[in-house]
Amino acid sequence: MRSDTAGERGNSASRSALVLRRILLTLGFTLAPVPILADSLPTVVSMNLCTDQLTLLLADPEQILSLTDLASDPRSSPMVEEAAPYPSNSGGAEEIFALAPDVVLAGSYSDGATLGMLRRLGLRVEQLPIPTALDEIPGQIRAMGEILQQEARAEALASGIEDRLAALGTPTPDSPVAAFFYPNGYSLGDGTLSHDIVTAAGFRNLAQTLGMTGGGRLSLEEIVIHAPDVLIASPRYPGHSRSEELSFHPVLSDYAAEDRLIFSTAEWTCGTPYTLRAIDAVAAARAGLNPLAPLP
């Protein structure tokens, strides 16, 4: 582990606490004092986009040796500004080993060969699963708090999220319908974090009503026949992709013209406090449906 002077530890801990405080205030959480640990803390390298964000939320700055290169991509991460001071990595075993972290943070689908090599080299590797439901987020934050030895900070954040989640409602049979319609018609049904986001915001999910669990595909014909009130799609990226054309087919042009097209952002990807912002954005779109389109 690296050692710093007591003054440096105090300054970096204070900066991290200020970042957490700003996020909590932005999301409307009730704040309580968060104790700062003065003992030496484990250093970490993150090789997963979601562990990047949890690390930035909870760790002291001197704990963070490196984050993924995705952490600096605004299309992937809502914490680009917070990630800017830290070196990036591309997930290679050699570069991670050279940094000599106390802990390597990875996701469920991180490259198994790389993780196996790092473990054989003697490094501690912690893999965190991808949340598939809103109520899994607080537990994952607490788990990361234990890894980083930032339990008090994690508890403050997790408790605030639990309070917000407890206040959310559920859609009713007459709620408007949303349809995920990504490139190549990819959609998301029950058992996904995105499904929980739209239902927490007051929509029914078309893919779920059609029996989809997890990921799958909807055809353009199904979208036209069922006429959902809003479409949820991804924004166009630079260049040209035929897979994106389906989401923007002329038969769906009214959705964009009538502000019934919602773009999922980086805030949808990982289970963090930013997920609550995604819910708020979808709820605002729900409130704007006036009058509601007739349901099929």
Foldseek 3Di string as FASTA:
>chain_A
DDDDDLVVQVVLQVVLVVVLVVLCVVLPFDDDDFDDDSDDWFAEEEQELQVVVLCSNFARVVSYAEYAPCCCPQQAAPNNVSRVVHHHDPLALVVRVVSVTQEYEEEPPRDPVSVVVNVVVPHHYDYDYFDFALLCLLVSSCVVCVNGVRNRSSNRFSVRSVVVVVPFDFADPPFFEEWEQEFQQKTAEPRGHVCNLLGSLHHHYPCVVVPDHGMDGDALVNCVVFVGQAYEYADDDPDDDPSRCSVVPPVCVVRVVVVRYHYDGNLSGGNGSSSVVSSVVSSVSSVPCVPGDDGD
